[in-house]
PDB file of N, CA and C in Angstrom:
ATOM      1  N   MET A   1      12.065 -26.349   7.865  1.00  0.00           N
ATOM      2  CA  MET A   1      12.493 -25.196   7.050  1.00  0.00           C
ATOM      3  C   MET A   1      12.656 -24.100   8.017  1.00  0.00           C
ATOM      4  N   THR A   2      13.758 -23.415   7.955  1.00  0.00           N
ATOM      5  CA  THR A   2      13.987 -22.292   8.963  1.00  0.00           C
ATOM      6  C   THR A   2      13.685 -21.072   8.191  1.00  0.00           C
ATOM      7  N   ASP A   3      13.551 -19.786   8.791  1.00  0.00           N
ATOM      8  CA  ASP A   3      13.262 -18.731   8.236  1.00  0.00           C
ATOM      9  C   ASP A   3      14.178 -18.192   7.012  1.00  0.00           C
ATOM     10  N   ALA A   4      15.397 -18.642   7.242  1.00  0.00           N
ATOM     11  CA  ALA A   4      16.453 -18.349   6.247  1.00  0.00           C
ATOM     12  C   ALA A   4      16.153 -18.936   4.909  1.00  0.00           C
ATOM     13  N   HIS A   5      15.257 -20.023   4.863  1.00  0.00           N
ATOM     14  CA  HIS A   5      15.107 -20.869   3.628  1.00  0.00           C
ATOM     15  C   HIS A   5      13.679 -20.315   2.884  1.00  0.00           C
ATOM     16  N   ILE A   6      13.118 -19.360   3.480  1.00  0.00           N
ATOM     17  CA  ILE A   6      11.886 -18.800   2.948  1.00  0.00           C
ATOM     18  C   ILE A   6      12.165 -17.538   2.160  1.00  0.00           C
ATOM     19  N   PRO A   7      12.220 -17.518   0.692  1.00  0.00           N
ATOM     20  CA  PRO A   7      12.481 -16.539   0.006  1.00  0.00           C
ATOM     21  C   PRO A   7      11.668 -15.268   0.559  1.00  0.00           C
ATOM     22  N   GLU A   8      12.235 -13.917   0.451  1.00  0.00           N
ATOM     23  CA  GLU A   8      11.598 -12.718   0.980  1.00  0.00           C
ATOM     24  C   GLU A   8      10.334 -12.416   0.314  1.00  0.00           C
ATOM     25  N   PRO A   9      10.060 -12.597  -0.933  1.00  0.00           N
ATOM     26  CA  PRO A   9       8.801 -12.343  -1.555  1.00  0.00           C
ATOM     27  C   PRO A   9       7.707 -13.367  -0.953  1.00  0.00           C
ATOM     28  N   VAL A  10       8.004 -14.586  -0.769  1.00  0.00           N
ATOM     29  CA  VAL A  10       7.074 -15.548  -0.194  1.00  0.00           C
ATOM     30  C   VAL A  10       6.865 -15.161   1.209  1.00  0.00           C
ATOM     31  N   ARG A  11       7.815 -14.801   2.066  1.00  0.00           N
ATOM     32  CA  ARG A  11       7.602 -14.233   3.306  1.00  0.00           C
ATOM     33  C   ARG A  11       6.636 -13.048   3.397  1.00  0.00           C
ATOM     34  N   GLN A  12       6.895 -12.112   2.537  1.00  0.00           N
ATOM     35  CA  GLN A  12       5.867 -11.196   2.430  1.00  0.00           C
ATOM     36  C   GLN A  12       4.438 -11.388   1.994  1.00  0.00           C
ATOM     37  N   LEU A  13       4.457 -12.426   1.201  1.00  0.00           N
ATOM     38  CA  LEU A  13       3.065 -12.691   0.790  1.00  0.00           C
ATOM     39  C   LEU A  13       2.349 -13.500   1.991  1.00  0.00           C
ATOM     40  N   LEU A  14       3.170 -14.247   2.821  1.00  0.00           N
ATOM     41  CA  LEU A  14       2.621 -15.048   3.939  1.00  0.00           C
ATOM     42  C   LEU A  14       2.210 -13.850   4.841  1.00  0.00           C
ATOM     43  N   ALA A  15       2.907 -12.936   5.119  1.00  0.00           N
ATOM     44  CA  ALA A  15       2.550 -11.962   6.198  1.00  0.00           C
ATOM     45  C   ALA A  15       1.417 -11.131   5.711  1.00  0.00           C
ATOM     46  N   ALA A  16       1.415 -10.831   4.368  1.00  0.00           N
ATOM     47  CA  ALA A  16      -0.001 -10.221   3.987  1.00  0.00           C
ATOM     48  C   ALA A  16      -1.112 -10.865   4.015  1.00  0.00           C
ATOM     49  N   ILE A  17      -1.002 -12.244   3.911  1.00  0.00           N
ATOM     50  CA  ILE A  17      -2.199 -13.201   4.044  1.00  0.00           C
ATOM     51  C   ILE A  17      -2.568 -13.044   5.567  1.00  0.00           C
ATOM     52  N   SER A  18      -1.680 -13.222   6.547  1.00  0.00           N
ATOM     53  CA  SER A  18      -1.711 -12.924   7.868  1.00  0.00           C
ATOM     54  C   SER A  18      -2.541 -11.675   8.309  1.00  0.00           C
ATOM     55  N   GLU A  19      -2.012 -10.773   7.736  1.00  0.00           N
ATOM     56  CA  GLU A  19      -2.567  -9.342   7.943  1.00  0.00           C
ATOM     57  C   GLU A  19      -4.020  -9.201   7.376  1.00  0.00           C
ATOM     58  N   THR A  20      -4.284  -9.960   6.264  1.00  0.00           N
ATOM     59  CA  THR A  20      -5.536  -9.849   5.681  1.00  0.00           C
ATOM     60  C   THR A  20      -6.569 -10.598   6.582  1.00  0.00           C
ATOM     61  N   LEU A  21      -6.253 -11.636   7.174  1.00  0.00           N
ATOM     62  CA  LEU A  21      -7.052 -12.347   7.988  1.00  0.00           C
ATOM     63  C   LEU A  21      -7.132 -11.894   9.492  1.00  0.00           C
ATOM     64  N   THR A  22      -6.506 -10.751   9.760  1.00  0.00           N
ATOM     65  CA  THR A  22      -6.540 -10.222  11.182  1.00  0.00           C
ATOM     66  C   THR A  22      -7.356  -9.038  11.157  1.00  0.00           C
ATOM     67  N   PHE A  23      -8.379  -9.086  11.675  1.00  0.00           N
ATOM     68  CA  PHE A  23      -9.245  -7.947  12.099  1.00  0.00           C
ATOM     69  C   PHE A  23      -9.947  -8.208  13.327  1.00  0.00           C
ATOM     70  N   PRO A  24     -10.584  -7.141  13.883  1.00  0.00           N
ATOM     71  CA  PRO A  24     -11.334  -7.238  15.156  1.00  0.00           C
ATOM     72  C   PRO A  24     -12.532  -8.032  15.211  1.00  0.00           C
ATOM     73  N   ASP A  25     -12.859  -8.661  16.250  1.00  0.00           N
ATOM     74  CA  ASP A  25     -14.148  -9.478  16.351  1.00  0.00           C
ATOM     75  C   ASP A  25     -15.277  -8.425  16.363  1.00  0.00           C
ATOM     76  N   PRO A  26     -16.490  -8.858  15.752  1.00  0.00           N
ATOM     77  CA  PRO A  26     -17.700  -7.964  15.701  1.00  0.00           C
ATOM     78  C   PRO A  26     -18.610  -7.780  16.879  1.00  0.00           C
ATOM     79  N   GLY A  27     -19.296  -6.874  16.907  1.00  0.00           N
ATOM     80  CA  GLY A  27     -20.288  -6.625  17.811  1.00  0.00           C
ATOM     81  C   GLY A  27     -21.351  -7.791  17.876  1.00  0.00           C
ATOM     82  N   SER A  28     -22.214  -7.885  18.707  1.00  0.00           N
ATOM     83  CA  SER A  28     -23.060  -9.082  18.675  1.00  0.00           C
ATOM     84  C   SER A  28     -24.452  -8.877  17.968  1.00  0.00           C
ATOM     85  N   ASP A  29     -24.828  -7.682  17.504  1.00  0.00           N
ATOM     86  CA  ASP A  29     -25.980  -7.484  16.707  1.00  0.00           C
ATOM     87  C   ASP A  29     -25.935  -7.904  15.426  1.00  0.00           C
ATOM     88  N   ARG A  30     -26.997  -8.236  14.701  1.00  0.00           N
ATOM     89  CA  ARG A  30     -27.139  -8.759  13.401  1.00  0.00           C
ATOM     90  C   ARG A  30     -26.390  -7.946  12.326  1.00  0.00           C
ATOM     91  N   ALA A  31     -26.573  -6.737  12.338  1.00  0.00           N
ATOM     92  CA  ALA A  31     -25.903  -5.857  11.319  1.00  0.00           C
ATOM     93  C   ALA A  31     -24.364  -6.003  11.331  1.00  0.00           C
ATOM     94  N   ASP A  32     -23.830  -5.967  12.718  1.00  0.00           N
ATOM     95  CA  ASP A  32     -22.444  -6.105  12.874  1.00  0.00           C
ATOM     96  C   ASP A  32     -21.975  -7.471  12.255  1.00  0.00           C
ATOM     97  N   LEU A  33     -22.767  -8.512  12.596  1.00  0.00           N
ATOM     98  CA  LEU A  33     -22.337  -9.773  12.303  1.00  0.00           C
ATOM     99  C   LEU A  33     -22.379  -9.903  10.688  1.00  0.00           C
ATOM    100  N   ALA A  34     -23.440  -9.443  10.032  1.00  0.00           N
ATOM    101  CA  ALA A  34     -23.590  -9.505   8.673  1.00  0.00           C
ATOM    102  C   ALA A  34     -22.447  -8.704   7.982  1.00  0.00           C
ATOM    103  N   ARG A  35     -21.890  -7.396   8.418  1.00  0.00           N
ATOM    104  CA  ARG A  35     -20.785  -6.807   7.877  1.00  0.00           C
ATOM    105  C   ARG A  35     -19.562  -7.506   7.980  1.00  0.00           C
ATOM    106  N   TYR A  36     -19.441  -8.173   9.250  1.00  0.00           N
ATOM    107  CA  TYR A  36     -18.167  -8.980   9.440  1.00  0.00           C
ATOM    108  C   TYR A  36     -18.257 -10.141   8.559  1.00  0.00           C
ATOM    109  N   GLU A  37     -19.286 -10.773   8.398  1.00  0.00           N
ATOM    110  CA  GLU A  37     -19.165 -11.966   7.501  1.00  0.00           C
ATOM    111  C   GLU A  37     -18.848 -11.462   6.083  1.00  0.00           C
ATOM    112  N   ALA A  38     -19.436 -10.356   5.613  1.00  0.00           N
ATOM    113  CA  ALA A  38     -19.024  -9.805   4.427  1.00  0.00           C
ATOM    114  C   ALA A  38     -17.601  -9.437   4.220  1.00  0.00           C
ATOM    115  N   CYS A  39     -17.036  -8.893   5.251  1.00  0.00           N
ATOM    116  CA  CYS A  39     -15.584  -8.513   5.326  1.00  0.00           C
ATOM    117  C   CYS A  39     -14.754  -9.923   5.178  1.00  0.00           C
ATOM    118  N   VAL A  40     -15.191 -10.937   6.018  1.00  0.00           N
ATOM    119  CA  VAL A  40     -14.382 -12.219   5.979  1.00  0.00           C
ATOM    120  C   VAL A  40     -14.494 -12.682   4.490  1.00  0.00           C
ATOM    121  N   CYS A  41     -15.601 -12.745   3.915  1.00  0.00           N
ATOM    122  CA  CYS A  41     -15.764 -13.235   2.499  1.00  0.00           C
ATOM    123  C   CYS A  41     -15.004 -12.515   1.472  1.00  0.00           C
ATOM    124  N   GLU A  42     -14.977 -11.298   1.510  1.00  0.00           N
ATOM    125  CA  GLU A  42     -14.235 -10.278   0.628  1.00  0.00           C
ATOM    126  C   GLU A  42     -12.813 -10.676   0.798  1.00  0.00           C
ATOM    127  N   ARG A  43     -12.244 -10.723   2.053  1.00  0.00           N
ATOM    128  CA  ARG A  43     -10.774 -10.859   2.216  1.00  0.00           C
ATOM    129  C   ARG A  43     -10.405 -12.410   1.837  1.00  0.00           C
ATOM    130  N   VAL A  44     -11.115 -13.283   2.018  1.00  0.00           N
ATOM    131  CA  VAL A  44     -10.831 -14.627   1.746  1.00  0.00           C
ATOM    132  C   VAL A  44     -10.674 -14.788   0.142  1.00  0.00           C
ATOM    133  N   HIS A  45     -11.564 -13.984  -0.518  1.00  0.00           N
ATOM    134  CA  HIS A  45     -11.682 -14.045  -1.923  1.00  0.00           C
ATOM    135  C   HIS A  45     -10.359 -13.359  -2.280  1.00  0.00           C
ATOM    136  N   LEU A  46      -9.870 -12.276  -1.802  1.00  0.00           N
ATOM    137  CA  LEU A  46      -8.703 -11.712  -2.335  1.00  0.00           C
ATOM    138  C   LEU A  46      -7.505 -12.662  -2.172  1.00  0.00           C
ATOM    139  N   ILE A  47      -7.494 -13.297  -0.911  1.00  0.00           N
ATOM    140  CA  ILE A  47      -6.381 -14.266  -0.531  1.00  0.00           C
ATOM    141  C   ILE A  47      -6.347 -15.514  -1.692  1.00  0.00           C
ATOM    142  N   ARG A  48      -7.551 -16.052  -1.891  1.00  0.00           N
ATOM    143  CA  ARG A  48      -7.622 -16.991  -2.695  1.00  0.00           C
ATOM    144  C   ARG A  48      -7.125 -16.644  -4.259  1.00  0.00           C
ATOM    145  N   LEU A  49      -7.558 -15.449  -4.636  1.00  0.00           N
ATOM    146  CA  LEU A  49      -7.063 -14.995  -6.045  1.00  0.00           C
ATOM    147  C   LEU A  49      -5.582 -14.778  -5.997  1.00  0.00           C
ATOM    148  N   ALA A  50      -4.945 -14.261  -4.955  1.00  0.00           N
ATOM    149  CA  ALA A  50      -3.396 -14.133  -4.962  1.00  0.00           C
ATOM    150  C   ALA A  50      -2.799 -15.594  -4.876  1.00  0.00           C
ATOM    151  N   ILE A  51      -3.294 -16.481  -3.998  1.00  0.00           N
ATOM    152  CA  ILE A  51      -2.611 -17.744  -4.015  1.00  0.00           C
ATOM    153  C   ILE A  51      -2.750 -18.517  -5.229  1.00  0.00           C
ATOM    154  N   ARG A  52      -3.915 -18.428  -5.990  1.00  0.00           N
ATOM    155  CA  ARG A  52      -4.292 -18.960  -7.129  1.00  0.00           C
ATOM    156  C   ARG A  52      -3.087 -18.478  -8.158  1.00  0.00           C
ATOM    157  N   ASP A  53      -2.990 -17.239  -8.410  1.00  0.00           N
ATOM    158  CA  ASP A  53      -2.108 -16.796  -9.326  1.00  0.00           C
ATOM    159  C   ASP A  53      -0.614 -17.134  -9.075  1.00  0.00           C
ATOM    160  N   VAL A  54      -0.282 -17.118  -7.882  1.00  0.00           N
ATOM    161  CA  VAL A  54       1.072 -17.582  -7.467  1.00  0.00           C
ATOM    162  C   VAL A  54       1.272 -19.020  -7.874  1.00  0.00           C
ATOM    163  N   LEU A  55       0.244 -19.983  -7.586  1.00  0.00           N
ATOM    164  CA  LEU A  55       0.441 -21.292  -7.818  1.00  0.00           C
ATOM    165  C   LEU A  55       0.382 -21.624  -9.244  1.00  0.00           C
ATOM    166  N   ASP A  56      -0.582 -21.069 -10.084  1.00  0.00           N
ATOM    167  CA  ASP A  56      -0.654 -21.403 -11.374  1.00  0.00           C
ATOM    168  C   ASP A  56       0.278 -20.612 -12.354  1.00  0.00           C
ATOM    169  N   GLY A  57       1.056 -19.702 -11.734  1.00  0.00           N
ATOM    170  CA  GLY A  57       2.195 -19.002 -12.589  1.00  0.00           C
ATOM    171  C   GLY A  57       1.416 -17.798 -13.283  1.00  0.00           C
ATOM    172  N   THR A  58       0.434 -17.268 -12.924  1.00  0.00           N
ATOM    173  CA  THR A  58      -0.209 -16.137 -13.524  1.00  0.00           C
ATOM    174  C   THR A  58       0.072 -14.995 -12.841  1.00  0.00           C
ATOM    175  N   ALA A  59       0.790 -14.951 -11.744  1.00  0.00           N
ATOM    176  CA  ALA A  59       1.178 -13.724 -11.060  1.00  0.00           C
ATOM    177  C   ALA A  59       2.425 -13.018 -11.811  1.00  0.00           C
ATOM    178  N   THR A  60       1.996 -12.521 -12.950  1.00  0.00           N
ATOM    179  CA  THR A  60       2.981 -12.013 -13.978  1.00  0.00           C
ATOM    180  C   THR A  60       3.736 -10.807 -13.300  1.00  0.00           C
ATOM    181  N   ASN A  61       3.255 -10.055 -12.162  1.00  0.00           N
ATOM    182  CA  ASN A  61       4.013  -9.051 -11.764  1.00  0.00           C
ATOM    183  C   ASN A  61       4.848  -9.478 -10.444  1.00  0.00           C
ATOM    184  N   GLY A  62       4.732 -10.804 -10.097  1.00  0.00           N
ATOM    185  CA  GLY A  62       5.561 -11.380  -9.018  1.00  0.00           C
ATOM    186  C   GLY A  62       4.825 -11.577  -7.690  1.00  0.00           C
ATOM    187  N   VAL A  63       5.435 -12.323  -6.947  1.00  0.00           N
ATOM    188  CA  VAL A  63       4.942 -12.725  -5.692  1.00  0.00           C
ATOM    189  C   VAL A  63       4.815 -11.334  -4.660  1.00  0.00           C
ATOM    190  N   GLN A  64       5.940 -10.624  -4.797  1.00  0.00           N
ATOM    191  CA  GLN A  64       5.915  -9.406  -4.069  1.00  0.00           C
ATOM    192  C   GLN A  64       4.895  -8.486  -4.238  1.00  0.00           C
ATOM    193  N   TRP A  65       4.410  -8.345  -5.649  1.00  0.00           N
ATOM    194  CA  TRP A  65       3.257  -7.548  -6.172  1.00  0.00           C
ATOM    195  C   TRP A  65       1.902  -8.030  -5.489  1.00  0.00           C
ATOM    196  N   GLU A  66       1.852  -9.394  -5.459  1.00  0.00           N
ATOM    197  CA  GLU A  66       0.559  -9.969  -4.784  1.00  0.00           C
ATOM    198  C   GLU A  66       0.407  -9.505  -3.325  1.00  0.00           C
ATOM    199  N   ALA A  67       1.618  -9.650  -2.576  1.00  0.00           N
ATOM    200  CA  ALA A  67       1.567  -9.127  -1.333  1.00  0.00           C
ATOM    201  C   ALA A  67       1.199  -7.703  -1.121  1.00  0.00           C
ATOM    202  N   ASP A  68       1.779  -6.812  -2.062  1.00  0.00           N
ATOM    203  CA  ASP A  68       1.543  -5.464  -1.973  1.00  0.00           C
ATOM    204  C   ASP A  68       0.105  -5.190  -2.217  1.00  0.00           C
ATOM    205  N   TYR A  69      -0.401  -5.965  -3.317  1.00  0.00           N
ATOM    206  CA  TYR A  69      -1.922  -5.761  -3.694  1.00  0.00           C
ATOM    207  C   TYR A  69      -2.700  -6.132  -2.452  1.00  0.00           C
ATOM    208  N   LEU A  70      -2.534  -7.063  -1.896  1.00  0.00           N
ATOM    209  CA  LEU A  70      -3.360  -7.623  -0.581  1.00  0.00           C
ATOM    210  C   LEU A  70      -3.405  -6.443   0.426  1.00  0.00           C
ATOM    211  N   ARG A  71      -2.222  -6.042   0.559  1.00  0.00           N
ATOM    212  CA  ARG A  71      -2.056  -4.826   1.702  1.00  0.00           C
ATOM    213  C   ARG A  71      -2.775  -3.614   1.325  1.00  0.00           C
ATOM    214  N   THR A  72      -2.692  -3.344  -0.031  1.00  0.00           N
ATOM    215  CA  THR A  72      -3.428  -2.044  -0.506  1.00  0.00           C
ATOM    216  C   THR A  72      -4.947  -2.235  -0.363  1.00  0.00           C
ATOM    217  N   LYS A  73      -5.380  -3.523  -0.766  1.00  0.00           N
ATOM    218  CA  LYS A  73      -6.849  -3.801  -0.843  1.00  0.00           C
ATOM    219  C   LYS A  73      -7.432  -3.647   0.555  1.00  0.00           C
ATOM    220  N   ILE A  74      -6.504  -4.191   1.589  1.00  0.00           N
ATOM    221  CA  ILE A  74      -7.264  -4.166   2.906  1.00  0.00           C
ATOM    222  C   ILE A  74      -7.141  -2.701   3.398  1.00  0.00           C
ATOM    223  N   ALA A  75      -6.195  -2.157   3.171  1.00  0.00           N
ATOM    224  CA  ALA A  75      -6.121  -0.466   3.468  1.00  0.00           C
ATOM    225  C   ALA A  75      -7.229   0.267   2.990  1.00  0.00           C
ATOM    226  N   GLU A  76      -7.692  -0.111   1.806  1.00  0.00           N
ATOM    227  CA  GLU A  76      -8.717   0.577   1.184  1.00  0.00           C
ATOM    228  C   GLU A  76     -10.156   0.383   1.660  1.00  0.00           C
ATOM    229  N   ARG A  77     -10.225  -0.912   2.220  1.00  0.00           N
ATOM    230  CA  ARG A  77     -11.253  -1.436   2.735  1.00  0.00           C
ATOM    231  C   ARG A  77     -11.341  -1.946   4.129  1.00  0.00           C
ATOM    232  N   PRO A  78     -11.140  -1.109   5.058  1.00  0.00           N
ATOM    233  CA  PRO A  78     -11.052  -1.515   6.514  1.00  0.00           C
ATOM    234  C   PRO A  78     -12.375  -1.975   6.852  1.00  0.00           C
ATOM    235  N   PRO A  79     -12.414  -2.852   8.003  1.00  0.00           N
ATOM    236  CA  PRO A  79     -13.756  -3.445   8.445  1.00  0.00           C
ATOM    237  C   PRO A  79     -14.698  -2.326   8.713  1.00  0.00           C
ATOM    238  N   ARG A  80     -15.814  -2.526   8.342  1.00  0.00           N
ATOM    239  CA  ARG A  80     -17.042  -1.402   8.522  1.00  0.00           C
ATOM    240  C   ARG A  80     -18.195  -1.917   9.387  1.00  0.00           C
ATOM    241  N   TYR A  81     -17.579  -2.334  10.502  1.00  0.00           N
ATOM    242  CA  TYR A  81     -18.639  -2.730  11.458  1.00  0.00           C
ATOM    243  C   TYR A  81     -18.345  -2.507  12.930  1.00  0.00           C
ATOM    244  N   ARG A  82     -19.223  -2.535  13.796  1.00  0.00           N
ATOM    245  CA  ARG A  82     -18.883  -2.217  15.219  1.00  0.00           C
ATOM    246  C   ARG A  82     -17.980  -3.448  15.733  1.00  0.00           C
ATOM    247  N   THR A  83     -17.026  -3.070  16.412  1.00  0.00           N
ATOM    248  CA  THR A  83     -16.244  -4.086  17.016  1.00  0.00           C
ATOM    249  C   THR A  83     -16.900  -4.659  18.293  1.00  0.00           C
ATOM    250  N   SER A  84     -16.490  -5.665  18.934  1.00  0.00           N
ATOM    251  CA  SER A  84     -17.110  -6.052  20.086  1.00  0.00           C
ATOM    252  C   SER A  84     -16.744  -5.175  21.254  1.00  0.00           C
ATOM    253  N   GLU A  85     -15.689  -4.596  21.252  1.00  0.00           N
ATOM    254  CA  GLU A  85     -15.497  -3.478  22.347  1.00  0.00           C
ATOM    255  C   GLU A  85     -16.393  -2.322  22.088  1.00  0.00           C
ATOM    256  N   GLU A  86     -16.528  -1.897  20.856  1.00  0.00           N
ATOM    257  CA  GLU A  86     -17.498  -0.734  20.725  1.00  0.00           C
ATOM    258  C   GLU A  86     -18.881  -1.061  21.069  1.00  0.00           C
ATOM    259  N   TYR A  87     -19.293  -2.420  20.757  1.00  0.00           N
ATOM    260  CA  TYR A  87     -20.603  -2.810  21.035  1.00  0.00           C
ATOM    261  C   TYR A  87     -20.806  -2.948  22.513  1.00  0.00           C
ATOM    262  N   ILE A  88     -19.833  -3.378  23.247  1.00  0.00           N
ATOM    263  CA  ILE A  88     -19.964  -3.390  24.838  1.00  0.00           C
ATOM    264  C   ILE A  88     -20.079  -1.778  25.277  1.00  0.00           C
ATOM    265  N   ALA A  89     -19.298  -0.991  24.843  1.00  0.00           N
ATOM    266  CA  ALA A  89     -19.327   0.451  25.165  1.00  0.00           C
ATOM    267  C   ALA A  89     -20.734   1.016  24.859  1.00  0.00           C
ATOM    268  N   HIS A  90     -21.301   0.703  23.691  1.00  0.00           N
ATOM    269  CA  HIS A  90     -22.627   1.029  23.498  1.00  0.00           C
ATOM    270  C   HIS A  90     -23.706   0.551  24.415  1.00  0.00           C
ATOM    271  N   LEU A  91     -23.720  -0.831  24.794  1.00  0.00           N
ATOM    272  CA  LEU A  91     -24.557  -1.394  25.728  1.00  0.00           C
ATOM    273  C   LEU A  91     -24.306  -0.582  27.141  1.00  0.00           C
ATOM    274  N   ALA A  92     -23.105  -0.417  27.478  1.00  0.00           N
ATOM    275  CA  ALA A  92     -22.758   0.374  28.703  1.00  0.00           C
ATOM    276  C   ALA A  92     -23.420   1.686  28.827  1.00  0.00           C
ATOM    277  N   ALA A  93     -23.375   2.329  27.556  1.00  0.00           N
ATOM    278  CA  ALA A  93     -23.852   3.922  27.534  1.00  0.00           C
ATOM    279  C   ALA A  93     -25.478   3.645  27.675  1.00  0.00           C
ATOM    280  N   LEU A  94     -25.976   2.704  27.021  1.00  0.00           N
ATOM    281  CA  LEU A  94     -27.511   2.607  26.982  1.00  0.00           C
ATOM    282  C   LEU A  94     -27.918   2.363  28.554  1.00  0.00           C
ATOM    283  N   ALA A  95     -27.136   1.468  29.188  1.00  0.00           N
ATOM    284  CA  ALA A  95     -27.524   1.023  30.491  1.00  0.00           C
ATOM    285  C   ALA A  95     -27.296   2.226  31.427  1.00  0.00           C
ATOM    286  N   ASN A  96     -26.346   3.095  31.186  1.00  0.00           N
ATOM    287  CA  ASN A  96     -26.284   4.423  32.096  1.00  0.00           C
ATOM    288  C   ASN A  96     -27.195   5.532  31.512  1.00  0.00           C
ATOM    289  N   GLY A  97     -28.117   5.279  30.749  1.00  0.00           N
ATOM    290  CA  GLY A  97     -29.047   6.217  30.306  1.00  0.00           C
ATOM    291  C   GLY A  97     -28.743   7.079  29.078  1.00  0.00           C
ATOM    292  N   GLY A  98     -27.597   6.657  28.429  1.00  0.00           N
ATOM    293  CA  GLY A  98     -27.383   7.495  27.277  1.00  0.00           C
ATOM    294  C   GLY A  98     -27.754   6.805  26.122  1.00  0.00           C
ATOM    295  N   GLU A  99     -27.458   7.370  24.926  1.00  0.00           N
ATOM    296  CA  GLU A  99     -27.996   6.833  23.670  1.00  0.00           C
ATOM    297  C   GLU A  99     -27.087   5.825  22.923  1.00  0.00           C
ATOM    298  N   GLY A 100     -25.757   5.774  23.500  1.00  0.00           N
ATOM    299  CA  GLY A 100     -24.751   4.963  22.820  1.00  0.00           C
ATOM    300  C   GLY A 100     -24.450   5.617  21.685  1.00  0.00           C
ATOM    301  N   GLN A 101     -23.743   4.707  20.682  1.00  0.00           N
ATOM    302  CA  GLN A 101     -23.222   5.313  19.373  1.00  0.00           C
ATOM    303  C   GLN A 101     -24.336   5.353  18.407  1.00  0.00           C
TER     304      GLN A 101
END
């Protein structure tokens, strides 16, 4: 199947799913890992709901709406954990006598 054969609403839903599953790696402490896991679970749940509705025909507002809904939800709830880069910066600040973040 070439790109030309994928209907635009389906393409948008696939892109929204990809965006929903794309977020930064967490820092290495337990709190960051727990928040990361919660973020993953929440986003997978949203994706499963969208796919379920499309496949069982209950996406009454259409496939494009499902894609827009995913994007809206991830914009409302960005990851709330320290990224691995932020964690490394925090450790470097501590090593240099600072308090970090």
